Amino acid sequence: DTTLEKLEEILPKTDFFRLNRQLIVAKKSIKQIKPESYGKLNVELTPAYEDEAGVSRTKAQEFRQWLGLSL
């Protein structure tokens, strides 16, 4: 029983990223990234995640950098 804030501090930042208020993902679980409206991103995960795994416009650039993608 721990908060996402504490997990975010514990997990290695090279392997894990906090997508939003509800979800921290492992780099190896990312299957596909789809651009959405207004600069947001939708992340498809494996194994599949039932809800939307979205990245806000404000975190999208940081997320791309974390993945090593061109901006």
Protein backbone atom coordinates (compact mmCIF):
# COMPACT_ATOMS: atom_id res chain seq x y z
CA ASP A 1 0.00 0.00 0.00
CA THR A 2 1.77 3.08 -1.26
CA THR A 3 0.89 6.18 -3.23
CA LEU A 4 1.82 6.79 -6.85
CA GLU A 5 3.95 9.70 -5.66
CA LYS A 6 6.04 7.36 -3.51
CA LEU A 7 6.27 4.78 -6.28
CA GLU A 8 7.38 7.48 -8.69
CA GLU A 9 10.25 8.32 -6.32
CA ILE A 10 11.26 4.67 -5.87
CA LEU A 11 11.08 3.37 -9.44
CA PRO A 12 14.00 4.03 -11.83
CA LYS A 13 13.17 7.04 -14.01
CA THR A 14 14.89 5.44 -17.00
CA ASP A 15 12.35 2.59 -17.03
CA PHE A 16 9.13 4.11 -15.63
CA PHE A 17 7.10 7.23 -16.44
CA ARG A 18 4.05 8.72 -14.79
CA LEU A 19 1.58 9.26 -17.62
CA ASN A 20 -1.13 10.91 -15.55
CA ARG A 21 -2.66 11.03 -12.06
CA GLN A 22 -3.62 7.37 -12.21
CA LEU A 23 -0.90 5.55 -14.11
CA ILE A 24 2.82 4.84 -14.08
CA VAL A 25 4.04 2.76 -17.02
CA ALA A 26 7.12 0.73 -17.77
CA LYS A 27 8.93 1.62 -20.99
CA LYS A 28 8.81 -2.01 -22.14
CA SER A 29 4.99 -2.06 -21.80
CA ILE A 30 4.45 0.66 -24.42
CA LYS A 31 3.10 -0.85 -27.62
CA GLN A 32 2.07 2.24 -29.60
CA ILE A 33 1.68 6.00 -29.22
CA LYS A 34 -1.11 7.82 -31.01
CA PRO A 35 -1.40 11.60 -31.23
CA GLU A 36 -4.72 13.01 -30.08
CA SER A 37 -6.25 16.45 -30.36
CA TYR A 38 -4.57 19.50 -28.83
CA GLY A 39 -1.17 17.83 -28.48
CA LYS A 40 -2.28 15.03 -26.19
CA LEU A 41 -1.04 11.47 -26.63
CA ASN A 42 -2.83 8.15 -26.23
CA VAL A 43 -0.57 5.28 -25.24
CA GLU A 44 -1.45 1.69 -26.09
CA LEU A 45 -0.02 -0.74 -23.57
CA THR A 46 0.74 -4.43 -23.48
CA PRO A 47 -0.82 -6.13 -21.66
CA ALA A 48 -3.83 -4.06 -22.60
CA TYR A 49 -5.07 -1.44 -20.14
CA GLU A 50 -8.85 -1.13 -19.97
CA ASP A 51 -9.03 2.65 -19.53
CA GLU A 52 -7.41 5.30 -21.68
CA ALA A 53 -3.71 5.69 -20.98
CA GLY A 54 -3.39 9.32 -21.92
CA VAL A 55 -0.59 11.86 -21.66
CA SER A 56 -1.57 15.50 -21.32
CA ARG A 57 -0.32 18.17 -23.68
CA THR A 58 1.86 19.59 -20.89
CA LYS A 59 3.61 16.24 -20.28
CA ALA A 60 3.74 15.07 -23.92
CA GLN A 61 7.12 16.66 -24.68
CA GLU A 62 8.69 15.23 -21.51
CA PHE A 63 7.25 11.81 -22.39
CA ARG A 64 8.70 11.92 -25.92
CA GLN A 65 12.10 12.91 -24.53
CA TRP A 66 11.95 10.05 -22.03
CA LEU A 67 11.33 7.65 -24.92
CA GLY A 68 14.11 9.25 -26.96
CA LEU A 69 11.75 10.31 -29.73
CA SER A 70 12.18 13.35 -31.97
CA LEU A 71 10.06 16.33 -31.04
